[in-house]
Amino acid sequence: MKREYGWILIVYIIMQLSSLVGVPLLAIVLARSGNSPQEVQMYALNYWLMISFVLAFLITLFLLRKEMASSLQNRNASNLPVSIGWAVGGIFLALFAQWAAAIVEQLLGIKMGSDNTRSIMRMIDNFPAVMIISSVIGPILEEIVFRKIIFGSLHKRFNFFISALISSVIFAAAHMEFEHILIYSAIGFTFAYLYVRTKRIIVPIIAHVTMNTLVVLMQSVYREEIEKFLREAEQLQNFIGGFL
């Protein structure tokens, strides 16, 4: 593994753990604002999320600056029209993989809906700038870490399936929703395939960013309809389960 990749992994892990220290410290500073303790905690969490992700993103870009310049001359990678086609098609592949995995989870009796998504939507409601993190910066960092570095390093030693499986499970575990590990893994497999197929990390990045943006927009515009559908689906699941 390249030295720069190791540093990026360290930066990403520090970013993920930094809220344990950063949020309480920021809350102490914001406590002087006169807001309620609940508001102070909410603002501290949102501000620290923005600070930590943006810093990690800038550091990652800095560490990859030489590689990004040389990647433009990669003759083994797909050309621009093909890359665009796979990026657009990858959005639908990822959505299909997510839908198929959700069906399997439903058959296994796993509750529909994501606590992680609901938590992000609450944060966006309170602090709309969080959408930049959830829809753009977050997906870019995830593709660099989980596909380019982790999957890419594994794929040099193992075949696609094993490399995609390991990196996708790690990707799923990082979201801390182990009951939906199948959904996250299916998405991870899809993005890994896009990366291998085109040899351009920008392709799964575009697909990931677009998919997350669509999810956020759908949750914002059709939240009530989605929640109603999930309640009805859960009732149907319980009804069927009663016969089985």
C-alpha atoms as a PDB file:
ATOM      1  CA  MET A   1       0.000   0.000   0.000  1.00  0.00           C
ATOM      2  CA  LYS A   2       1.253   3.464  -0.856  1.00  0.00           C
ATOM      3  CA  ARG A   3       2.308   5.681   2.020  1.00  0.00           C
ATOM      4  CA  GLU A   4      -0.280   8.275   1.021  1.00  0.00           C
ATOM      5  CA  TYR A   5      -3.027   5.654   1.273  1.00  0.00           C
ATOM      6  CA  GLY A   6      -1.969   4.809   4.800  1.00  0.00           C
ATOM      7  CA  TRP A   7      -2.169   8.443   5.801  1.00  0.00           C
ATOM      8  CA  ILE A   8      -5.614   8.779   4.232  1.00  0.00           C
ATOM      9  CA  LEU A   9      -6.855   5.782   6.231  1.00  0.00           C
ATOM     10  CA  ILE A  10      -5.480   7.347   9.410  1.00  0.00           C
ATOM     11  CA  VAL A  11      -7.133  10.691   8.598  1.00  0.00           C
ATOM     12  CA  TYR A  12     -10.452   8.970   7.891  1.00  0.00           C
ATOM     13  CA  ILE A  13     -10.381   6.989  11.155  1.00  0.00           C
ATOM     14  CA  ILE A  14      -9.450  10.111  13.137  1.00  0.00           C
ATOM     15  CA  MET A  15     -12.304  11.981  11.455  1.00  0.00           C
ATOM     16  CA  GLN A  16     -14.783   9.269  12.435  1.00  0.00           C
ATOM     17  CA  LEU A  17     -13.608   9.222  16.054  1.00  0.00           C
ATOM     18  CA  SER A  18     -12.974  12.951  16.445  1.00  0.00           C
ATOM     19  CA  SER A  19     -16.581  13.687  17.429  1.00  0.00           C
ATOM     20  CA  LEU A  20     -15.958  11.953  20.765  1.00  0.00           C
ATOM     21  CA  VAL A  21     -13.685  14.853  21.708  1.00  0.00           C
ATOM     22  CA  GLY A  22     -14.614  17.611  19.265  1.00  0.00           C
ATOM     23  CA  VAL A  23     -18.352  17.746  19.937  1.00  0.00           C
ATOM     24  CA  PRO A  24     -18.052  18.106  23.744  1.00  0.00           C
ATOM     25  CA  LEU A  25     -15.342  20.777  23.380  1.00  0.00           C
ATOM     26  CA  LEU A  26     -17.389  22.689  20.824  1.00  0.00           C
ATOM     27  CA  ALA A  27     -20.455  22.371  23.047  1.00  0.00           C
ATOM     28  CA  ILE A  28     -18.548  24.079  25.862  1.00  0.00           C
ATOM     29  CA  VAL A  29     -17.763  27.005  23.555  1.00  0.00           C
ATOM     30  CA  LEU A  30     -21.338  27.211  22.226  1.00  0.00           C
ATOM     31  CA  ALA A  31     -22.798  27.013  25.735  1.00  0.00           C
ATOM     32  CA  ARG A  32     -22.064  30.729  26.081  1.00  0.00           C
ATOM     33  CA  SER A  33     -24.523  31.496  23.280  1.00  0.00           C
ATOM     34  CA  GLY A  34     -27.501  31.301  25.632  1.00  0.00           C
ATOM     35  CA  ASN A  35     -29.202  28.430  23.784  1.00  0.00           C
ATOM     36  CA  SER A  36     -30.732  25.461  25.566  1.00  0.00           C
ATOM     37  CA  PRO A  37     -28.489  22.419  26.286  1.00  0.00           C
ATOM     38  CA  GLN A  38     -30.326  20.451  23.566  1.00  0.00           C
ATOM     39  CA  GLU A  39     -29.724  23.210  20.998  1.00  0.00           C
ATOM     40  CA  VAL A  40     -26.087  23.538  22.022  1.00  0.00           C
ATOM     41  CA  GLN A  41     -25.552  19.791  21.584  1.00  0.00           C
ATOM     42  CA  MET A  42     -27.286  19.835  18.191  1.00  0.00           C
ATOM     43  CA  TYR A  43     -25.247  22.787  16.907  1.00  0.00           C
ATOM     44  CA  ALA A  44     -22.014  21.313  18.241  1.00  0.00           C
ATOM     45  CA  LEU A  45     -22.675  18.017  16.460  1.00  0.00           C
ATOM     46  CA  ASN A  46     -23.592  19.683  13.167  1.00  0.00           C
ATOM     47  CA  TYR A  47     -20.699  22.163  13.219  1.00  0.00           C
ATOM     48  CA  TRP A  48     -18.173  19.476  14.115  1.00  0.00           C
ATOM     49  CA  LEU A  49     -19.514  17.218  11.384  1.00  0.00           C
ATOM     50  CA  MET A  50     -18.900  19.971   8.851  1.00  0.00           C
ATOM     51  CA  ILE A  51     -15.457  20.846  10.229  1.00  0.00           C
ATOM     52  CA  SER A  52     -14.161  17.266  10.478  1.00  0.00           C
ATOM     53  CA  PHE A  53     -15.423  16.123   7.069  1.00  0.00           C
ATOM     54  CA  VAL A  54     -14.197  19.214   5.222  1.00  0.00           C
ATOM     55  CA  LEU A  55     -10.750  18.982   6.836  1.00  0.00           C
ATOM     56  CA  ALA A  56     -10.485  15.264   6.056  1.00  0.00           C
ATOM     57  CA  PHE A  57     -11.611  15.940   2.478  1.00  0.00           C
ATOM     58  CA  LEU A  58      -9.021  18.683   1.925  1.00  0.00           C
ATOM     59  CA  ILE A  59      -6.219  16.602   3.448  1.00  0.00           C
ATOM     60  CA  THR A  60      -7.210  13.622   1.285  1.00  0.00           C
ATOM     61  CA  LEU A  61      -7.182  15.722  -1.881  1.00  0.00           C
ATOM     62  CA  PHE A  62      -3.781  17.110  -0.921  1.00  0.00           C
ATOM     63  CA  LEU A  63      -2.342  13.630  -0.395  1.00  0.00           C
ATOM     64  CA  LEU A  64      -3.749  12.453  -3.741  1.00  0.00           C
ATOM     65  CA  ARG A  65      -2.803  15.558  -5.731  1.00  0.00           C
ATOM     66  CA  LYS A  66       0.004  13.874  -7.716  1.00  0.00           C
ATOM     67  CA  GLU A  67      -1.985  10.714  -8.348  1.00  0.00           C
ATOM     68  CA  MET A  68      -5.010  12.682  -9.569  1.00  0.00           C
ATOM     69  CA  ALA A  69      -2.823  14.498 -12.091  1.00  0.00           C
ATOM     70  CA  SER A  70      -1.260  11.289 -13.410  1.00  0.00           C
ATOM     71  CA  SER A  71      -4.601   9.413 -13.536  1.00  0.00           C
ATOM     72  CA  LEU A  72      -5.717  11.610 -16.414  1.00  0.00           C
ATOM     73  CA  GLN A  73      -3.083   9.891 -18.552  1.00  0.00           C
ATOM     74  CA  ASN A  74      -4.108   6.344 -17.602  1.00  0.00           C
ATOM     75  CA  ARG A  75      -4.404   4.529 -20.929  1.00  0.00           C
ATOM     76  CA  ASN A  76      -5.893   1.407 -19.345  1.00  0.00           C
ATOM     77  CA  ALA A  77      -8.914   3.311 -18.027  1.00  0.00           C
ATOM     78  CA  SER A  78     -12.166   3.702 -19.936  1.00  0.00           C
ATOM     79  CA  ASN A  79     -12.467   6.732 -22.171  1.00  0.00           C
ATOM     80  CA  LEU A  80     -14.711   9.669 -21.302  1.00  0.00           C
ATOM     81  CA  PRO A  81     -17.928   8.555 -23.103  1.00  0.00           C
ATOM     82  CA  VAL A  82     -17.705   5.036 -21.671  1.00  0.00           C
ATOM     83  CA  SER A  83     -16.962   6.373 -18.190  1.00  0.00           C
ATOM     84  CA  ILE A  84     -19.953   8.699 -18.351  1.00  0.00           C
ATOM     85  CA  GLY A  85     -22.161   5.820 -19.495  1.00  0.00           C
ATOM     86  CA  TRP A  86     -21.068   3.612 -16.604  1.00  0.00           C
ATOM     87  CA  ALA A  87     -21.423   6.475 -14.131  1.00  0.00           C
ATOM     88  CA  VAL A  88     -25.034   7.057 -15.198  1.00  0.00           C
ATOM     89  CA  GLY A  89     -25.806   3.365 -15.463  1.00  0.00           C
ATOM     90  CA  GLY A  90     -24.119   2.797 -12.119  1.00  0.00           C
ATOM     91  CA  ILE A  91     -26.735   4.940 -10.408  1.00  0.00           C
ATOM     92  CA  PHE A  92     -29.471   2.549 -11.518  1.00  0.00           C
ATOM     93  CA  LEU A  93     -27.320  -0.508 -10.746  1.00  0.00           C
ATOM     94  CA  ALA A  94     -26.765   0.748  -7.197  1.00  0.00           C
ATOM     95  CA  LEU A  95     -30.454   1.533  -6.699  1.00  0.00           C
ATOM     96  CA  PHE A  96     -31.396  -1.900  -8.055  1.00  0.00           C
ATOM     97  CA  ALA A  97     -28.858  -3.603  -5.774  1.00  0.00           C
ATOM     98  CA  GLN A  98     -30.248  -1.679  -2.814  1.00  0.00           C
ATOM     99  CA  TRP A  99     -33.815  -2.626  -3.734  1.00  0.00           C
ATOM    100  CA  ALA A 100     -32.953  -6.312  -4.244  1.00  0.00           C
ATOM    101  CA  ALA A 101     -31.101  -6.463  -0.918  1.00  0.00           C
ATOM    102  CA  ALA A 102     -34.025  -4.743   0.823  1.00  0.00           C
ATOM    103  CA  ILE A 103     -36.388  -7.402  -0.533  1.00  0.00           C
ATOM    104  CA  VAL A 104     -34.150 -10.155   0.843  1.00  0.00           C
ATOM    105  CA  GLU A 105     -33.973  -8.398   4.208  1.00  0.00           C
ATOM    106  CA  GLN A 106     -37.746  -8.092   4.277  1.00  0.00           C
ATOM    107  CA  LEU A 107     -38.086 -11.821   3.610  1.00  0.00           C
ATOM    108  CA  LEU A 108     -35.697 -12.430   6.515  1.00  0.00           C
ATOM    109  CA  GLY A 109     -37.933 -10.361   8.770  1.00  0.00           C
ATOM    110  CA  ILE A 110     -35.576  -7.388   9.080  1.00  0.00           C
ATOM    111  CA  LYS A 111     -37.368  -4.112   9.760  1.00  0.00           C
ATOM    112  CA  MET A 112     -37.460  -1.747   6.794  1.00  0.00           C
ATOM    113  CA  GLY A 113     -36.075   1.760   7.000  1.00  0.00           C
ATOM    114  CA  SER A 114     -32.703   3.105   8.072  1.00  0.00           C
ATOM    115  CA  ASP A 115     -32.022   4.773  11.420  1.00  0.00           C
ATOM    116  CA  ASN A 116     -28.878   6.220   9.861  1.00  0.00           C
ATOM    117  CA  THR A 117     -30.882   7.874   7.076  1.00  0.00           C
ATOM    118  CA  ARG A 118     -33.470   9.203   9.522  1.00  0.00           C
ATOM    119  CA  SER A 119     -30.714  10.640  11.709  1.00  0.00           C
ATOM    120  CA  ILE A 120     -29.115  12.365   8.717  1.00  0.00           C
ATOM    121  CA  MET A 121     -32.465  13.798   7.629  1.00  0.00           C
ATOM    122  CA  ARG A 122     -33.051  15.246  11.110  1.00  0.00           C
ATOM    123  CA  MET A 123     -29.638  16.865  10.956  1.00  0.00           C
ATOM    124  CA  ILE A 124     -30.386  18.305   7.507  1.00  0.00           C
ATOM    125  CA  ASP A 125     -33.694  19.694   8.791  1.00  0.00           C
ATOM    126  CA  ASN A 126     -31.858  21.494  11.589  1.00  0.00           C
ATOM    127  CA  PHE A 127     -28.751  22.388   9.598  1.00  0.00           C
ATOM    128  CA  PRO A 128     -29.264  22.217   5.783  1.00  0.00           C
ATOM    129  CA  ALA A 129     -25.520  22.523   5.095  1.00  0.00           C
ATOM    130  CA  VAL A 130     -25.180  18.916   6.321  1.00  0.00           C
ATOM    131  CA  MET A 131     -26.568  17.935   2.910  1.00  0.00           C
ATOM    132  CA  ILE A 132     -23.168  18.849   1.441  1.00  0.00           C
ATOM    133  CA  ILE A 133     -21.587  16.230   3.702  1.00  0.00           C
ATOM    134  CA  SER A 134     -24.165  13.480   3.187  1.00  0.00           C
ATOM    135  CA  SER A 135     -24.527  13.963  -0.562  1.00  0.00           C
ATOM    136  CA  VAL A 136     -21.093  15.076  -1.767  1.00  0.00           C
ATOM    137  CA  ILE A 137     -18.109  15.059   0.592  1.00  0.00           C
ATOM    138  CA  GLY A 138     -19.094  11.883   2.461  1.00  0.00           C
ATOM    139  CA  PRO A 139     -19.561   9.730  -0.669  1.00  0.00           C
ATOM    140  CA  ILE A 140     -16.313  11.003  -2.203  1.00  0.00           C
ATOM    141  CA  LEU A 141     -14.345  10.102   0.928  1.00  0.00           C
ATOM    142  CA  GLU A 142     -16.043   6.702   1.139  1.00  0.00           C
ATOM    143  CA  GLU A 143     -15.191   5.827  -2.451  1.00  0.00           C
ATOM    144  CA  ILE A 144     -11.577   6.856  -1.990  1.00  0.00           C
ATOM    145  CA  VAL A 145     -11.243   4.912   1.281  1.00  0.00           C
ATOM    146  CA  PHE A 146     -13.361   1.814   0.674  1.00  0.00           C
ATOM    147  CA  ARG A 147     -13.036   1.349  -3.081  1.00  0.00           C
ATOM    148  CA  LYS A 148      -9.788   2.953  -4.206  1.00  0.00           C
ATOM    149  CA  ILE A 149      -7.670   2.106  -1.151  1.00  0.00           C
ATOM    150  CA  ILE A 150      -9.186  -0.897   0.641  1.00  0.00           C
ATOM    151  CA  PHE A 151     -10.756  -2.695  -2.327  1.00  0.00           C
ATOM    152  CA  GLY A 152      -7.930  -1.660  -4.659  1.00  0.00           C
ATOM    153  CA  SER A 153      -5.280  -3.026  -2.280  1.00  0.00           C
ATOM    154  CA  LEU A 154      -7.170  -6.289  -1.770  1.00  0.00           C
ATOM    155  CA  HIS A 155      -7.770  -6.722  -5.503  1.00  0.00           C
ATOM    156  CA  LYS A 156      -4.019  -6.829  -6.099  1.00  0.00           C
ATOM    157  CA  ARG A 157      -3.900 -10.060  -4.058  1.00  0.00           C
ATOM    158  CA  PHE A 158      -7.332 -11.633  -4.418  1.00  0.00           C
ATOM    159  CA  ASN A 159     -10.030 -12.018  -7.061  1.00  0.00           C
ATOM    160  CA  PHE A 160     -12.866  -9.553  -7.475  1.00  0.00           C
ATOM    161  CA  PHE A 161     -15.427 -11.432  -5.372  1.00  0.00           C
ATOM    162  CA  ILE A 162     -13.238 -11.819  -2.293  1.00  0.00           C
ATOM    163  CA  SER A 163     -11.917  -8.254  -2.551  1.00  0.00           C
ATOM    164  CA  ALA A 164     -15.386  -6.788  -3.047  1.00  0.00           C
ATOM    165  CA  LEU A 165     -16.843  -8.926  -0.253  1.00  0.00           C
ATOM    166  CA  ILE A 166     -14.263  -7.893   2.340  1.00  0.00           C
ATOM    167  CA  SER A 167     -14.268  -4.203   1.408  1.00  0.00           C
ATOM    168  CA  SER A 168     -18.071  -4.093   1.186  1.00  0.00           C
ATOM    169  CA  VAL A 169     -18.528  -5.667   4.618  1.00  0.00           C
ATOM    170  CA  ILE A 170     -16.078  -3.135   6.067  1.00  0.00           C
ATOM    171  CA  PHE A 171     -17.995  -0.401   4.243  1.00  0.00           C
ATOM    172  CA  ALA A 172     -21.262  -1.716   5.718  1.00  0.00           C
ATOM    173  CA  ALA A 173     -19.814  -2.007   9.230  1.00  0.00           C
ATOM    174  CA  ALA A 174     -18.578   1.590   9.075  1.00  0.00           C
ATOM    175  CA  HIS A 175     -22.205   2.741   8.830  1.00  0.00           C
ATOM    176  CA  MET A 176     -22.959   1.066  12.184  1.00  0.00           C
ATOM    177  CA  GLU A 177     -26.235  -0.464  10.968  1.00  0.00           C
ATOM    178  CA  PHE A 178     -25.427  -4.132  11.184  1.00  0.00           C
ATOM    179  CA  GLU A 179     -29.030  -5.198  10.606  1.00  0.00           C
ATOM    180  CA  HIS A 180     -28.761  -3.681   7.116  1.00  0.00           C
ATOM    181  CA  ILE A 181     -25.333  -5.070   6.338  1.00  0.00           C
ATOM    182  CA  LEU A 182     -26.753  -6.828   3.277  1.00  0.00           C
ATOM    183  CA  ILE A 183     -27.961  -3.557   1.732  1.00  0.00           C
ATOM    184  CA  TYR A 184     -24.700  -1.711   2.328  1.00  0.00           C
ATOM    185  CA  SER A 185     -22.684  -4.675   1.078  1.00  0.00           C
ATOM    186  CA  ALA A 186     -24.763  -4.881  -2.109  1.00  0.00           C
ATOM    187  CA  ILE A 187     -24.137  -1.191  -2.746  1.00  0.00           C
ATOM    188  CA  GLY A 188     -20.437  -1.678  -2.018  1.00  0.00           C
ATOM    189  CA  PHE A 189     -20.277  -4.551  -4.519  1.00  0.00           C
ATOM    190  CA  THR A 190     -21.865  -2.350  -7.165  1.00  0.00           C
ATOM    191  CA  PHE A 191     -19.426   0.506  -6.696  1.00  0.00           C
ATOM    192  CA  ALA A 192     -16.479  -1.913  -6.631  1.00  0.00           C
ATOM    193  CA  TYR A 193     -17.644  -3.337  -9.969  1.00  0.00           C
ATOM    194  CA  LEU A 194     -17.879   0.146 -11.471  1.00  0.00           C
ATOM    195  CA  TYR A 195     -14.327   0.881 -10.317  1.00  0.00           C
ATOM    196  CA  VAL A 196     -12.930  -2.355 -11.763  1.00  0.00           C
ATOM    197  CA  ARG A 197     -14.914  -2.039 -14.980  1.00  0.00           C
ATOM    198  CA  THR A 198     -13.718   1.483 -15.784  1.00  0.00           C
ATOM    199  CA  LYS A 199     -10.528   1.746 -13.718  1.00  0.00           C
ATOM    200  CA  ARG A 200     -11.629   5.260 -12.823  1.00  0.00           C
ATOM    201  CA  ILE A 201     -12.585   6.063  -9.207  1.00  0.00           C
ATOM    202  CA  ILE A 202     -14.539   9.077 -10.451  1.00  0.00           C
ATOM    203  CA  VAL A 203     -17.160   6.703 -11.906  1.00  0.00           C
ATOM    204  CA  PRO A 204     -18.328   5.153  -8.601  1.00  0.00           C
ATOM    205  CA  ILE A 205     -17.922   8.576  -6.997  1.00  0.00           C
ATOM    206  CA  ILE A 206     -20.438  10.086  -9.442  1.00  0.00           C
ATOM    207  CA  ALA A 207     -22.841   7.173  -8.972  1.00  0.00           C
ATOM    208  CA  HIS A 208     -22.530   7.339  -5.168  1.00  0.00           C
ATOM    209  CA  VAL A 209     -22.941  11.117  -4.979  1.00  0.00           C
ATOM    210  CA  THR A 210     -25.969  11.037  -7.271  1.00  0.00           C
ATOM    211  CA  MET A 211     -27.619   8.150  -5.418  1.00  0.00           C
ATOM    212  CA  ASN A 212     -27.170   9.816  -2.028  1.00  0.00           C
ATOM    213  CA  THR A 213     -28.489  13.101  -3.400  1.00  0.00           C
ATOM    214  CA  LEU A 214     -31.562  11.366  -4.818  1.00  0.00           C
ATOM    215  CA  VAL A 215     -32.213   9.626  -1.497  1.00  0.00           C
ATOM    216  CA  VAL A 216     -31.968  12.918   0.410  1.00  0.00           C
ATOM    217  CA  LEU A 217     -34.261  14.697  -2.061  1.00  0.00           C
ATOM    218  CA  MET A 218     -36.788  11.855  -2.005  1.00  0.00           C
ATOM    219  CA  GLN A 219     -36.745  11.766   1.783  1.00  0.00           C
ATOM    220  CA  SER A 220     -37.221  15.549   1.903  1.00  0.00           C
ATOM    221  CA  VAL A 221     -40.017  15.818  -0.651  1.00  0.00           C
ATOM    222  CA  TYR A 222     -41.862  12.545  -0.063  1.00  0.00           C
ATOM    223  CA  ARG A 223     -41.049  11.875   3.597  1.00  0.00           C
ATOM    224  CA  GLU A 224     -44.649  11.441   4.744  1.00  0.00           C
ATOM    225  CA  GLU A 225     -45.470   9.091   1.864  1.00  0.00           C
ATOM    226  CA  ILE A 226     -42.315   7.042   2.510  1.00  0.00           C
ATOM    227  CA  GLU A 227     -43.038   6.759   6.235  1.00  0.00           C
ATOM    228  CA  LYS A 228     -46.609   5.682   5.474  1.00  0.00           C
ATOM    229  CA  PHE A 229     -45.349   3.059   3.026  1.00  0.00           C
ATOM    230  CA  LEU A 230     -42.865   1.713   5.583  1.00  0.00           C
ATOM    231  CA  ARG A 231     -45.585   1.451   8.224  1.00  0.00           C
ATOM    232  CA  GLU A 232     -47.875  -0.410   5.847  1.00  0.00           C
ATOM    233  CA  ALA A 233     -45.046  -2.699   4.719  1.00  0.00           C
ATOM    234  CA  GLU A 234     -44.188  -3.484   8.326  1.00  0.00           C
ATOM    235  CA  GLN A 235     -47.831  -4.290   9.110  1.00  0.00           C
ATOM    236  CA  LEU A 236     -47.989  -6.584   6.083  1.00  0.00           C
ATOM    237  CA  GLN A 237     -44.738  -8.233   7.132  1.00  0.00           C
ATOM    238  CA  ASN A 238     -46.122  -8.864  10.638  1.00  0.00           C
ATOM    239  CA  PHE A 239     -49.379 -10.184   9.167  1.00  0.00           C
ATOM    240  CA  ILE A 240     -47.577 -12.659   6.914  1.00  0.00           C
ATOM    241  CA  GLY A 241     -45.245 -13.609   9.745  1.00  0.00           C
ATOM    242  CA  GLY A 242     -48.245 -14.522  11.879  1.00  0.00           C
ATOM    243  CA  PHE A 243     -49.202 -17.262   9.424  1.00  0.00           C
ATOM    244  CA  LEU A 244     -45.647 -18.555   9.168  1.00  0.00           C
END
